[in-house]
C-alpha atoms as a PDB file:
ATOM      1  CA  UNK A   1     -41.208  88.761  -6.153  1.00  0.00           C
ATOM      2  CA  UNK A   2     -39.532  92.151  -6.689  1.00  0.00           C
ATOM      3  CA  UNK A   3     -42.537  93.763  -7.823  1.00  0.00           C
ATOM      4  CA  UNK A   4     -44.435  92.369  -4.530  1.00  0.00           C
ATOM      5  CA  UNK A   5     -41.796  93.529  -2.417  1.00  0.00           C
ATOM      6  CA  UNK A   6     -41.936  97.331  -3.958  1.00  0.00           C
ATOM      7  CA  UNK A   7     -45.782  96.803  -3.773  1.00  0.00           C
ATOM      8  CA  UNK A   8     -45.293  96.080   0.121  1.00  0.00           C
ATOM      9  CA  UNK A   9     -43.298  99.014   1.067  1.00  0.00           C
ATOM     10  CA  UNK A  10     -45.380 101.252  -0.397  1.00  0.00           C
ATOM     11  CA  UNK A  11     -48.505  99.466   1.470  1.00  0.00           C
ATOM     12  CA  UNK A  12     -46.103 100.052   4.817  1.00  0.00           C
ATOM     13  CA  UNK A  13     -46.387 104.077   3.831  1.00  0.00           C
ATOM     14  CA  UNK A  14     -49.929 104.261   3.151  1.00  0.00           C
ATOM     15  CA  UNK A  15     -51.591 101.521   5.125  1.00  0.00           C
ATOM     16  CA  UNK A  16     -53.346  98.475   4.465  1.00  0.00           C
ATOM     17  CA  UNK A  17     -55.238  99.443   1.587  1.00  0.00           C
ATOM     18  CA  UNK A  18     -52.792  97.474  -0.515  1.00  0.00           C
ATOM     19  CA  UNK A  19     -52.769  94.548   1.316  1.00  0.00           C
ATOM     20  CA  UNK A  20     -55.396  92.610  -1.002  1.00  0.00           C
ATOM     21  CA  UNK A  21     -53.442  93.174  -4.360  1.00  0.00           C
ATOM     22  CA  UNK A  22     -50.198  92.157  -2.266  1.00  0.00           C
ATOM     23  CA  UNK A  23     -51.226  89.572  -0.865  1.00  0.00           C
ATOM     24  CA  UNK A  24     -52.314  87.976  -4.156  1.00  0.00           C
ATOM     25  CA  UNK A  25     -49.471  88.830  -5.861  1.00  0.00           C
ATOM     26  CA  UNK A  26     -47.247  87.216  -3.391  1.00  0.00           C
ATOM     27  CA  UNK A  27     -49.684  84.063  -3.709  1.00  0.00           C
ATOM     28  CA  UNK A  28     -49.041  84.235  -7.738  1.00  0.00           C
ATOM     29  CA  UNK A  29     -45.365  84.038  -6.855  1.00  0.00           C
ATOM     30  CA  UNK A  30     -45.866  81.085  -4.590  1.00  0.00           C
ATOM     31  CA  UNK A  31     -44.102  82.258  -1.734  1.00  0.00           C
ATOM     32  CA  UNK A  32     -46.208  81.209   1.091  1.00  0.00           C
ATOM     33  CA  UNK A  33     -43.972  82.259   4.042  1.00  0.00           C
ATOM     34  CA  UNK A  34     -44.164  85.430   2.877  1.00  0.00           C
ATOM     35  CA  UNK A  35     -47.650  85.495   2.492  1.00  0.00           C
ATOM     36  CA  UNK A  36     -48.116  84.478   6.238  1.00  0.00           C
ATOM     37  CA  UNK A  37     -45.530  86.949   7.686  1.00  0.00           C
ATOM     38  CA  UNK A  38     -47.259  89.588   5.753  1.00  0.00           C
ATOM     39  CA  UNK A  39     -50.974  88.500   7.295  1.00  0.00           C
ATOM     40  CA  UNK A  40     -49.442  88.472  10.463  1.00  0.00           C
ATOM     41  CA  UNK A  41     -47.519  91.788  10.173  1.00  0.00           C
ATOM     42  CA  UNK A  42     -50.315  94.105  10.467  1.00  0.00           C
ATOM     43  CA  UNK A  43     -51.459  95.214  14.332  1.00  0.00           C
ATOM     44  CA  UNK A  44     -55.300  94.587  13.373  1.00  0.00           C
ATOM     45  CA  UNK A  45     -55.994  91.101  12.085  1.00  0.00           C
ATOM     46  CA  UNK A  46     -57.027  91.282   8.518  1.00  0.00           C
ATOM     47  CA  UNK A  47     -60.486  90.099   7.359  1.00  0.00           C
ATOM     48  CA  UNK A  48     -61.398  86.575   7.097  1.00  0.00           C
ATOM     49  CA  UNK A  49     -61.660  86.325   3.325  1.00  0.00           C
ATOM     50  CA  UNK A  50     -57.772  87.314   3.094  1.00  0.00           C
ATOM     51  CA  UNK A  51     -56.875  84.639   5.492  1.00  0.00           C
ATOM     52  CA  UNK A  52     -59.257  82.293   3.593  1.00  0.00           C
ATOM     53  CA  UNK A  53     -57.218  83.022   0.442  1.00  0.00           C
ATOM     54  CA  UNK A  54     -53.741  81.762   1.899  1.00  0.00           C
ATOM     55  CA  UNK A  55     -55.541  78.938   3.608  1.00  0.00           C
ATOM     56  CA  UNK A  56     -56.567  77.880  -0.020  1.00  0.00           C
ATOM     57  CA  UNK A  57     -53.453  78.188  -1.088  1.00  0.00           C
ATOM     58  CA  UNK A  58     -51.906  76.198   1.411  1.00  0.00           C
ATOM     59  CA  UNK A  59     -54.364  73.438   1.580  1.00  0.00           C
ATOM     60  CA  UNK A  60     -54.320  73.331  -2.599  1.00  0.00           C
ATOM     61  CA  UNK A  61     -50.486  72.067  -2.361  1.00  0.00           C
ATOM     62  CA  UNK A  62     -49.767  68.646  -3.758  1.00  0.00           C
ATOM     63  CA  UNK A  63     -47.818  67.922  -0.413  1.00  0.00           C
ATOM     64  CA  UNK A  64     -49.454  69.664   2.788  1.00  0.00           C
ATOM     65  CA  UNK A  65     -47.163  72.504   3.859  1.00  0.00           C
ATOM     66  CA  UNK A  66     -45.441  73.126   7.452  1.00  0.00           C
ATOM     67  CA  UNK A  67     -47.393  76.189   7.503  1.00  0.00           C
ATOM     68  CA  UNK A  68     -50.657  74.723   7.179  1.00  0.00           C
ATOM     69  CA  UNK A  69     -51.186  73.422  10.815  1.00  0.00           C
ATOM     70  CA  UNK A  70     -49.860  76.501  12.915  1.00  0.00           C
ATOM     71  CA  UNK A  71     -51.552  78.754  10.210  1.00  0.00           C
ATOM     72  CA  UNK A  72     -55.033  77.044  11.028  1.00  0.00           C
ATOM     73  CA  UNK A  73     -54.599  77.156  14.361  1.00  0.00           C
ATOM     74  CA  UNK A  74     -53.554  81.070  14.139  1.00  0.00           C
ATOM     75  CA  UNK A  75     -57.143  81.685  12.594  1.00  0.00           C
ATOM     76  CA  UNK A  76     -58.777  79.833  15.350  1.00  0.00           C
ATOM     77  CA  UNK A  77     -57.181  81.783  17.867  1.00  0.00           C
ATOM     78  CA  UNK A  78     -58.276  84.768  16.171  1.00  0.00           C
ATOM     79  CA  UNK A  79     -61.813  83.635  16.124  1.00  0.00           C
ATOM     80  CA  UNK A  80     -61.296  83.709  11.755  1.00  0.00           C
ATOM     81  CA  UNK A  81     -62.809  80.328  11.145  1.00  0.00           C
ATOM     82  CA  UNK A  82     -65.896  80.452   9.292  1.00  0.00           C
ATOM     83  CA  UNK A  83     -68.099  77.786   7.145  1.00  0.00           C
ATOM     84  CA  UNK A  84     -66.328  79.031   4.268  1.00  0.00           C
ATOM     85  CA  UNK A  85     -62.921  78.347   5.898  1.00  0.00           C
ATOM     86  CA  UNK A  86     -63.452  74.775   6.113  1.00  0.00           C
ATOM     87  CA  UNK A  87     -65.209  74.576   2.616  1.00  0.00           C
ATOM     88  CA  UNK A  88     -62.109  75.875   1.161  1.00  0.00           C
ATOM     89  CA  UNK A  89     -59.932  73.760   3.315  1.00  0.00           C
ATOM     90  CA  UNK A  90     -61.580  70.444   2.456  1.00  0.00           C
ATOM     91  CA  UNK A  91     -62.340  71.144  -1.093  1.00  0.00           C
ATOM     92  CA  UNK A  92     -58.724  71.765  -1.569  1.00  0.00           C
ATOM     93  CA  UNK A  93     -57.379  68.887   0.206  1.00  0.00           C
ATOM     94  CA  UNK A  94     -55.172  66.522  -2.011  1.00  0.00           C
ATOM     95  CA  UNK A  95     -55.901  62.800  -2.238  1.00  0.00           C
ATOM     96  CA  UNK A  96     -52.060  61.971  -2.120  1.00  0.00           C
ATOM     97  CA  UNK A  97     -51.238  63.738   0.978  1.00  0.00           C
ATOM     98  CA  UNK A  98     -52.446  60.938   3.015  1.00  0.00           C
ATOM     99  CA  UNK A  99     -50.165  61.859   6.026  1.00  0.00           C
ATOM    100  CA  UNK A 100     -52.268  64.979   6.422  1.00  0.00           C
ATOM    101  CA  UNK A 101     -55.293  63.086   6.832  1.00  0.00           C
ATOM    102  CA  UNK A 102     -55.335  63.331  10.510  1.00  0.00           C
ATOM    103  CA  UNK A 103     -55.477  67.025  10.577  1.00  0.00           C
ATOM    104  CA  UNK A 104     -58.353  67.194   8.408  1.00  0.00           C
ATOM    105  CA  UNK A 105     -60.058  64.504  10.874  1.00  0.00           C
ATOM    106  CA  UNK A 106     -59.356  67.017  13.737  1.00  0.00           C
ATOM    107  CA  UNK A 107     -60.418  70.065  11.628  1.00  0.00           C
ATOM    108  CA  UNK A 108     -63.861  68.253  10.866  1.00  0.00           C
ATOM    109  CA  UNK A 109     -64.274  67.571  14.832  1.00  0.00           C
ATOM    110  CA  UNK A 110     -63.298  71.431  15.340  1.00  0.00           C
ATOM    111  CA  UNK A 111     -66.157  72.185  12.746  1.00  0.00           C
ATOM    112  CA  UNK A 112     -68.540  69.960  14.537  1.00  0.00           C
ATOM    113  CA  UNK A 113     -67.148  71.902  18.281  1.00  0.00           C
ATOM    114  CA  UNK A 114     -67.562  75.475  16.596  1.00  0.00           C
ATOM    115  CA  UNK A 115     -71.395  74.959  15.880  1.00  0.00           C
ATOM    116  CA  UNK A 116     -70.931  74.660  12.300  1.00  0.00           C
ATOM    117  CA  UNK A 117     -73.206  71.562  10.511  1.00  0.00           C
ATOM    118  CA  UNK A 118     -72.485  70.586   6.977  1.00  0.00           C
ATOM    119  CA  UNK A 119     -76.208  69.692   6.611  1.00  0.00           C
ATOM    120  CA  UNK A 120     -77.054  73.732   6.462  1.00  0.00           C
ATOM    121  CA  UNK A 121     -74.217  74.404   4.108  1.00  0.00           C
ATOM    122  CA  UNK A 122     -74.409  72.338   0.441  1.00  0.00           C
ATOM    123  CA  UNK A 123     -70.645  73.542  -0.597  1.00  0.00           C
ATOM    124  CA  UNK A 124     -69.595  72.278   3.012  1.00  0.00           C
ATOM    125  CA  UNK A 125     -71.378  69.325   2.935  1.00  0.00           C
ATOM    126  CA  UNK A 126     -70.161  68.649  -0.746  1.00  0.00           C
ATOM    127  CA  UNK A 127     -66.619  69.382   0.202  1.00  0.00           C
ATOM    128  CA  UNK A 128     -66.692  66.849   3.386  1.00  0.00           C
ATOM    129  CA  UNK A 129     -67.927  64.172   1.336  1.00  0.00           C
ATOM    130  CA  UNK A 130     -65.422  64.902  -1.448  1.00  0.00           C
ATOM    131  CA  UNK A 131     -62.600  64.950   1.264  1.00  0.00           C
ATOM    132  CA  UNK A 132     -63.703  61.690   2.949  1.00  0.00           C
ATOM    133  CA  UNK A 133     -64.222  60.069  -0.787  1.00  0.00           C
ATOM    134  CA  UNK A 134     -60.607  61.166  -2.300  1.00  0.00           C
ATOM    135  CA  UNK A 135     -59.146  59.814   0.976  1.00  0.00           C
ATOM    136  CA  UNK A 136     -60.956  56.155   0.387  1.00  0.00           C
ATOM    137  CA  UNK A 137     -62.797  56.789   3.935  1.00  0.00           C
ATOM    138  CA  UNK A 138     -66.132  55.523   2.260  1.00  0.00           C
ATOM    139  CA  UNK A 139     -67.426  54.455   5.449  1.00  0.00           C
ATOM    140  CA  UNK A 140     -67.134  58.253   6.736  1.00  0.00           C
ATOM    141  CA  UNK A 141     -67.917  59.460   3.367  1.00  0.00           C
ATOM    142  CA  UNK A 142     -71.467  57.691   3.599  1.00  0.00           C
ATOM    143  CA  UNK A 143     -71.940  58.605   6.885  1.00  0.00           C
ATOM    144  CA  UNK A 144     -71.566  62.406   6.202  1.00  0.00           C
ATOM    145  CA  UNK A 145     -73.945  61.882   3.463  1.00  0.00           C
ATOM    146  CA  UNK A 146     -76.701  60.086   5.307  1.00  0.00           C
ATOM    147  CA  UNK A 147     -76.594  62.779   7.864  1.00  0.00           C
ATOM    148  CA  UNK A 148     -77.621  65.718   5.309  1.00  0.00           C
ATOM    149  CA  UNK A 149     -81.254  66.531   5.529  1.00  0.00           C
ATOM    150  CA  UNK A 150     -80.665  68.171   2.038  1.00  0.00           C
ATOM    151  CA  UNK A 151     -78.424  66.614  -0.696  1.00  0.00           C
ATOM    152  CA  UNK A 152     -77.740  68.472  -4.233  1.00  0.00           C
ATOM    153  CA  UNK A 153     -76.201  66.808  -6.934  1.00  0.00           C
ATOM    154  CA  UNK A 154     -72.785  67.581  -6.340  1.00  0.00           C
ATOM    155  CA  UNK A 155     -73.236  65.640  -2.617  1.00  0.00           C
ATOM    156  CA  UNK A 156     -74.741  62.439  -4.791  1.00  0.00           C
ATOM    157  CA  UNK A 157     -71.857  63.270  -7.441  1.00  0.00           C
ATOM    158  CA  UNK A 158     -69.091  63.235  -4.861  1.00  0.00           C
ATOM    159  CA  UNK A 159     -70.139  59.992  -3.000  1.00  0.00           C
ATOM    160  CA  UNK A 160     -70.882  57.940  -6.455  1.00  0.00           C
ATOM    161  CA  UNK A 161     -67.586  58.758  -7.895  1.00  0.00           C
ATOM    162  CA  UNK A 162     -65.678  57.541  -5.222  1.00  0.00           C
ATOM    163  CA  UNK A 163     -67.845  54.171  -5.225  1.00  0.00           C
ATOM    164  CA  UNK A 164     -66.878  54.052  -9.070  1.00  0.00           C
ATOM    165  CA  UNK A 165     -63.316  54.925  -8.468  1.00  0.00           C
ATOM    166  CA  UNK A 166     -63.059  52.676  -5.765  1.00  0.00           C
ATOM    167  CA  UNK A 167     -64.857  49.578  -7.494  1.00  0.00           C
ATOM    168  CA  UNK A 168     -68.072  49.272  -5.527  1.00  0.00           C
ATOM    169  CA  UNK A 169     -69.861  49.441  -8.847  1.00  0.00           C
ATOM    170  CA  UNK A 170     -73.176  47.747  -7.318  1.00  0.00           C
ATOM    171  CA  UNK A 171     -73.188  50.743  -4.515  1.00  0.00           C
ATOM    172  CA  UNK A 172     -72.737  53.418  -7.120  1.00  0.00           C
ATOM    173  CA  UNK A 173     -75.450  51.552  -9.214  1.00  0.00           C
ATOM    174  CA  UNK A 174     -78.129  51.950  -6.212  1.00  0.00           C
ATOM    175  CA  UNK A 175     -77.261  55.653  -5.410  1.00  0.00           C
ATOM    176  CA  UNK A 176     -77.247  56.880  -8.999  1.00  0.00           C
ATOM    177  CA  UNK A 177     -80.793  54.948  -9.077  1.00  0.00           C
ATOM    178  CA  UNK A 178     -81.765  56.895  -6.136  1.00  0.00           C
ATOM    179  CA  UNK A 179     -80.610  60.630  -7.161  1.00  0.00           C
ATOM    180  CA  UNK A 180     -83.311  62.999  -8.118  1.00  0.00           C
ATOM    181  CA  UNK A 181     -81.269  64.708 -10.694  1.00  0.00           C
ATOM    182  CA  UNK A 182     -78.426  63.364 -12.874  1.00  0.00           C
ATOM    183  CA  UNK A 183     -76.038  65.808 -14.692  1.00  0.00           C
ATOM    184  CA  UNK A 184     -72.818  64.804 -17.099  1.00  0.00           C
ATOM    185  CA  UNK A 185     -70.885  64.029 -13.873  1.00  0.00           C
ATOM    186  CA  UNK A 186     -72.986  61.651 -12.688  1.00  0.00           C
ATOM    187  CA  UNK A 187     -73.570  59.473 -15.800  1.00  0.00           C
ATOM    188  CA  UNK A 188     -69.621  59.800 -16.558  1.00  0.00           C
ATOM    189  CA  UNK A 189     -68.712  58.424 -12.925  1.00  0.00           C
ATOM    190  CA  UNK A 190     -71.134  55.626 -13.935  1.00  0.00           C
ATOM    191  CA  UNK A 191     -69.932  54.710 -17.532  1.00  0.00           C
ATOM    192  CA  UNK A 192     -66.112  55.133 -16.268  1.00  0.00           C
ATOM    193  CA  UNK A 193     -66.735  52.850 -13.064  1.00  0.00           C
ATOM    194  CA  UNK A 194     -68.309  50.404 -15.400  1.00  0.00           C
ATOM    195  CA  UNK A 195     -65.716  50.473 -17.917  1.00  0.00           C
ATOM    196  CA  UNK A 196     -62.549  50.655 -15.101  1.00  0.00           C
ATOM    197  CA  UNK A 197     -64.136  47.559 -13.442  1.00  0.00           C
ATOM    198  CA  UNK A 198     -64.398  45.351 -16.613  1.00  0.00           C
ATOM    199  CA  UNK A 199     -67.970  45.733 -17.161  1.00  0.00           C
ATOM    200  CA  UNK A 200     -67.730  46.952 -20.619  1.00  0.00           C
ATOM    201  CA  UNK A 201     -71.155  46.458 -21.875  1.00  0.00           C
ATOM    202  CA  UNK A 202     -72.778  48.101 -19.439  1.00  0.00           C
ATOM    203  CA  UNK A 203     -70.577  51.298 -19.885  1.00  0.00           C
ATOM    204  CA  UNK A 204     -71.690  50.785 -23.478  1.00  0.00           C
ATOM    205  CA  UNK A 205     -75.263  50.604 -22.493  1.00  0.00           C
ATOM    206  CA  UNK A 206     -75.207  53.386 -19.948  1.00  0.00           C
ATOM    207  CA  UNK A 207     -73.613  55.659 -22.250  1.00  0.00           C
ATOM    208  CA  UNK A 208     -76.218  55.065 -24.618  1.00  0.00           C
ATOM    209  CA  UNK A 209     -78.608  55.619 -22.411  1.00  0.00           C
ATOM    210  CA  UNK A 210     -77.196  59.017 -21.221  1.00  0.00           C
ATOM    211  CA  UNK A 211     -76.514  60.483 -24.763  1.00  0.00           C
ATOM    212  CA  UNK A 212     -79.825  59.027 -26.758  1.00  0.00           C
ATOM    213  CA  UNK A 213     -82.650  58.663 -24.221  1.00  0.00           C
ATOM    214  CA  UNK A 214     -81.146  61.413 -21.595  1.00  0.00           C
ATOM    215  CA  UNK A 215     -80.065  63.857 -24.035  1.00  0.00           C
ATOM    216  CA  UNK A 216     -76.784  64.507 -21.720  1.00  0.00           C
ATOM    217  CA  UNK A 217     -74.249  65.743 -24.028  1.00  0.00           C
ATOM    218  CA  UNK A 218     -71.195  63.950 -22.996  1.00  0.00           C
ATOM    219  CA  UNK A 219     -67.828  65.799 -22.010  1.00  0.00           C
ATOM    220  CA  UNK A 220     -64.028  64.665 -22.531  1.00  0.00           C
ATOM    221  CA  UNK A 221     -63.721  62.308 -19.605  1.00  0.00           C
ATOM    222  CA  UNK A 222     -67.487  60.669 -20.623  1.00  0.00           C
ATOM    223  CA  UNK A 223     -65.777  60.091 -24.116  1.00  0.00           C
ATOM    224  CA  UNK A 224     -62.128  58.868 -22.996  1.00  0.00           C
ATOM    225  CA  UNK A 225     -64.249  56.361 -20.416  1.00  0.00           C
ATOM    226  CA  UNK A 226     -66.726  54.763 -23.487  1.00  0.00           C
ATOM    227  CA  UNK A 227     -64.198  55.003 -25.811  1.00  0.00           C
ATOM    228  CA  UNK A 228     -61.996  51.557 -24.446  1.00  0.00           C
ATOM    229  CA  UNK A 229     -65.576  50.051 -23.568  1.00  0.00           C
ATOM    230  CA  UNK A 230     -66.238  50.260 -27.393  1.00  0.00           C
ATOM    231  CA  UNK A 231     -63.227  48.116 -28.054  1.00  0.00           C
ATOM    232  CA  UNK A 232     -63.478  45.766 -25.604  1.00  0.00           C
ATOM    233  CA  UNK A 233     -67.254  45.024 -26.977  1.00  0.00           C
ATOM    234  CA  UNK A 234     -65.904  45.672 -30.445  1.00  0.00           C
ATOM    235  CA  UNK A 235     -68.503  48.527 -30.933  1.00  0.00           C
ATOM    236  CA  UNK A 236     -66.497  50.253 -33.761  1.00  0.00           C
ATOM    237  CA  UNK A 237     -69.654  51.758 -35.304  1.00  0.00           C
ATOM    238  CA  UNK A 238     -70.785  53.471 -31.878  1.00  0.00           C
ATOM    239  CA  UNK A 239     -66.943  54.400 -31.617  1.00  0.00           C
ATOM    240  CA  UNK A 240     -67.370  56.222 -35.361  1.00  0.00           C
ATOM    241  CA  UNK A 241     -70.435  57.738 -33.794  1.00  0.00           C
ATOM    242  CA  UNK A 242     -68.436  59.165 -31.085  1.00  0.00           C
ATOM    243  CA  UNK A 243     -65.845  60.291 -32.778  1.00  0.00           C
ATOM    244  CA  UNK A 244     -68.006  62.341 -34.891  1.00  0.00           C
ATOM    245  CA  UNK A 245     -69.174  63.906 -32.191  1.00  0.00           C
ATOM    246  CA  UNK A 246     -65.970  64.302 -30.552  1.00  0.00           C
ATOM    247  CA  UNK A 247     -64.532  66.341 -33.223  1.00  0.00           C
ATOM    248  CA  UNK A 248     -67.756  68.524 -33.606  1.00  0.00           C
ATOM    249  CA  UNK A 249     -67.284  69.287 -30.046  1.00  0.00           C
ATOM    250  CA  UNK A 250     -63.331  70.226 -30.515  1.00  0.00           C
ATOM    251  CA  UNK A 251     -62.988  67.319 -28.051  1.00  0.00           C
ATOM    252  CA  UNK A 252     -60.439  65.622 -29.637  1.00  0.00           C
ATOM    253  CA  UNK A 253     -57.633  68.497 -28.892  1.00  0.00           C
ATOM    254  CA  UNK A 254     -57.516  66.574 -25.491  1.00  0.00           C
ATOM    255  CA  UNK A 255     -54.776  64.161 -25.869  1.00  0.00           C
ATOM    256  CA  UNK A 256     -56.529  61.840 -23.374  1.00  0.00           C
ATOM    257  CA  UNK A 257     -59.668  61.468 -25.771  1.00  0.00           C
ATOM    258  CA  UNK A 258     -57.527  61.251 -28.951  1.00  0.00           C
ATOM    259  CA  UNK A 259     -55.336  58.359 -27.282  1.00  0.00           C
ATOM    260  CA  UNK A 260     -58.686  56.503 -26.229  1.00  0.00           C
ATOM    261  CA  UNK A 261     -59.652  56.839 -30.003  1.00  0.00           C
ATOM    262  CA  UNK A 262     -56.583  55.813 -31.717  1.00  0.00           C
ATOM    263  CA  UNK A 263     -56.570  52.656 -28.919  1.00  0.00           C
ATOM    264  CA  UNK A 264     -60.136  51.843 -29.968  1.00  0.00           C
ATOM    265  CA  UNK A 265     -59.454  51.809 -33.771  1.00  0.00           C
ATOM    266  CA  UNK A 266     -56.434  49.295 -33.155  1.00  0.00           C
ATOM    267  CA  UNK A 267     -58.025  46.989 -30.937  1.00  0.00           C
ATOM    268  CA  UNK A 268     -61.235  47.003 -33.420  1.00  0.00           C
ATOM    269  CA  UNK A 269     -58.806  46.308 -36.327  1.00  0.00           C
ATOM    270  CA  UNK A 270     -58.668  49.386 -38.068  1.00  0.00           C
ATOM    271  CA  UNK A 271     -55.289  50.252 -38.521  1.00  0.00           C
ATOM    272  CA  UNK A 272     -55.217  53.043 -41.210  1.00  0.00           C
ATOM    273  CA  UNK A 273     -57.790  55.047 -38.947  1.00  0.00           C
ATOM    274  CA  UNK A 274     -55.656  54.570 -36.097  1.00  0.00           C
ATOM    275  CA  UNK A 275     -52.923  56.114 -37.832  1.00  0.00           C
ATOM    276  CA  UNK A 276     -54.671  59.067 -38.895  1.00  0.00           C
ATOM    277  CA  UNK A 277     -55.793  59.472 -35.332  1.00  0.00           C
ATOM    278  CA  UNK A 278     -52.272  59.220 -34.365  1.00  0.00           C
ATOM    279  CA  UNK A 279     -51.270  61.768 -37.148  1.00  0.00           C
ATOM    280  CA  UNK A 280     -53.601  64.265 -36.177  1.00  0.00           C
ATOM    281  CA  UNK A 281     -52.580  64.328 -32.336  1.00  0.00           C
ATOM    282  CA  UNK A 282     -49.522  66.364 -33.685  1.00  0.00           C
ATOM    283  CA  UNK A 283     -47.434  67.978 -31.312  1.00  0.00           C
ATOM    284  CA  UNK A 284     -49.616  66.932 -28.098  1.00  0.00           C
ATOM    285  CA  UNK A 285     -48.446  63.066 -28.951  1.00  0.00           C
ATOM    286  CA  UNK A 286     -47.348  61.155 -25.522  1.00  0.00           C
ATOM    287  CA  UNK A 287     -45.728  58.273 -24.256  1.00  0.00           C
ATOM    288  CA  UNK A 288     -49.251  56.650 -24.810  1.00  0.00           C
ATOM    289  CA  UNK A 289     -49.845  57.744 -28.048  1.00  0.00           C
ATOM    290  CA  UNK A 290     -46.616  56.141 -29.250  1.00  0.00           C
ATOM    291  CA  UNK A 291     -46.591  53.096 -27.344  1.00  0.00           C
ATOM    292  CA  UNK A 292     -50.158  52.442 -28.370  1.00  0.00           C
ATOM    293  CA  UNK A 293     -49.738  53.129 -32.326  1.00  0.00           C
ATOM    294  CA  UNK A 294     -46.443  50.828 -31.919  1.00  0.00           C
ATOM    295  CA  UNK A 295     -48.092  48.204 -30.272  1.00  0.00           C
ATOM    296  CA  UNK A 296     -50.807  48.371 -32.851  1.00  0.00           C
ATOM    297  CA  UNK A 297     -48.804  48.018 -36.046  1.00  0.00           C
ATOM    298  CA  UNK A 298     -46.730  45.009 -34.023  1.00  0.00           C
ATOM    299  CA  UNK A 299     -49.991  43.233 -32.998  1.00  0.00           C
ATOM    300  CA  UNK A 300     -51.055  43.262 -36.704  1.00  0.00           C
ATOM    301  CA  UNK A 301     -47.972  42.154 -38.113  1.00  0.00           C
ATOM    302  CA  UNK A 302     -46.643  45.347 -39.108  1.00  0.00           C
ATOM    303  CA  UNK A 303     -42.947  44.706 -37.621  1.00  0.00           C
ATOM    304  CA  UNK A 304     -41.364  46.905 -40.135  1.00  0.00           C
ATOM    305  CA  UNK A 305     -44.045  50.226 -39.505  1.00  0.00           C
ATOM    306  CA  UNK A 306     -43.514  49.280 -35.854  1.00  0.00           C
ATOM    307  CA  UNK A 307     -39.968  49.319 -36.091  1.00  0.00           C
ATOM    308  CA  UNK A 308     -39.903  52.725 -38.373  1.00  0.00           C
ATOM    309  CA  UNK A 309     -42.032  54.472 -35.810  1.00  0.00           C
ATOM    310  CA  UNK A 310     -39.848  53.268 -32.800  1.00  0.00           C
ATOM    311  CA  UNK A 311     -36.527  54.525 -34.792  1.00  0.00           C
ATOM    312  CA  UNK A 312     -38.802  57.959 -35.421  1.00  0.00           C
ATOM    313  CA  UNK A 313     -39.371  57.993 -31.800  1.00  0.00           C
ATOM    314  CA  UNK A 314     -35.633  57.251 -30.489  1.00  0.00           C
ATOM    315  CA  UNK A 315     -34.375  59.922 -32.879  1.00  0.00           C
ATOM    316  CA  UNK A 316     -36.957  62.665 -32.355  1.00  0.00           C
ATOM    317  CA  UNK A 317     -36.444  65.952 -29.849  1.00  0.00           C
ATOM    318  CA  UNK A 318     -39.840  64.489 -27.798  1.00  0.00           C
ATOM    319  CA  UNK A 319     -37.446  61.135 -26.661  1.00  0.00           C
ATOM    320  CA  UNK A 320     -35.895  63.196 -23.794  1.00  0.00           C
ATOM    321  CA  UNK A 321     -39.488  64.768 -22.948  1.00  0.00           C
ATOM    322  CA  UNK A 322     -40.945  61.565 -22.980  1.00  0.00           C
ATOM    323  CA  UNK A 323     -38.514  59.500 -20.842  1.00  0.00           C
ATOM    324  CA  UNK A 324     -38.947  62.245 -17.869  1.00  0.00           C
ATOM    325  CA  UNK A 325     -41.001  60.600 -15.330  1.00  0.00           C
ATOM    326  CA  UNK A 326     -42.188  57.789 -17.351  1.00  0.00           C
ATOM    327  CA  UNK A 327     -40.971  53.993 -18.255  1.00  0.00           C
ATOM    328  CA  UNK A 328     -39.528  52.957 -21.571  1.00  0.00           C
ATOM    329  CA  UNK A 329     -41.668  51.560 -24.142  1.00  0.00           C
ATOM    330  CA  UNK A 330     -39.815  48.311 -24.658  1.00  0.00           C
ATOM    331  CA  UNK A 331     -36.520  46.784 -22.464  1.00  0.00           C
ATOM    332  CA  UNK A 332     -33.141  48.392 -23.198  1.00  0.00           C
ATOM    333  CA  UNK A 333     -31.479  45.014 -24.659  1.00  0.00           C
ATOM    334  CA  UNK A 334     -33.477  45.332 -27.847  1.00  0.00           C
ATOM    335  CA  UNK A 335     -31.868  48.836 -28.483  1.00  0.00           C
END
């Protein structure tokens, strides 16, 4: 921030030419109040793109920033709200910030009042559907979706993912069949939806259709979604093929993929391979990695190995990191 303040001092002497780099520097430092005061301090309001940068930053925070509403109101008064403003607002909204939902609902109403209709802007329509989907307002998400005259793959994926995550697998299936074009996000949403809702055979079948018949390359999320389904139906041979693919693509650097593979081998009874995967994770090992490996040893009667690994974790430097924000592996009375 000291560099930003020095840059601000030079900008005051030279005019507004340095406003954009200054604003970016302040936002990178995370001082949103300073950024808002910076924009307000200029007699002639800066261009809409600079305001949109701050709007995007405020809306992207994990919790709604107190400045979001007054800053948005200021943009409205200055007639600086554009379709891009609303696109950034809705696409950045945090699904965890349920207390801010009324604000976003009012923003949608204002969007319509200003004459900006989502049907004419694919990015805005996708952002709106995604917002309602993340907020678990699936009826509203579907209503916006149905009102669109032109739907691209991103809009379909937004609603499809919401249905899958919400457990509405049948609705997801129907929408998936209606899609004119499907990409890896579309297929992954279905694989993940089936797996998370206990329909493991369908998850495996959909994955095979995606990979072998449609020729779509799985990504990290696809792989980490299908591996638990492989474990549930005992499809270890498919799991091995998925591992070979993941290694070739470098996906095992993702700890979630590695943990899913570890659990797959563990549940399929291949403890040696599970141990190899665990060792391969290395410094990326998290609580899930340790817990899965300890449980794998314990479930298969290897209690000495389970206790040895538990005490290794207990004496390691990772112990403090793993305990922060996480529940412990076993009841404290067995320590």
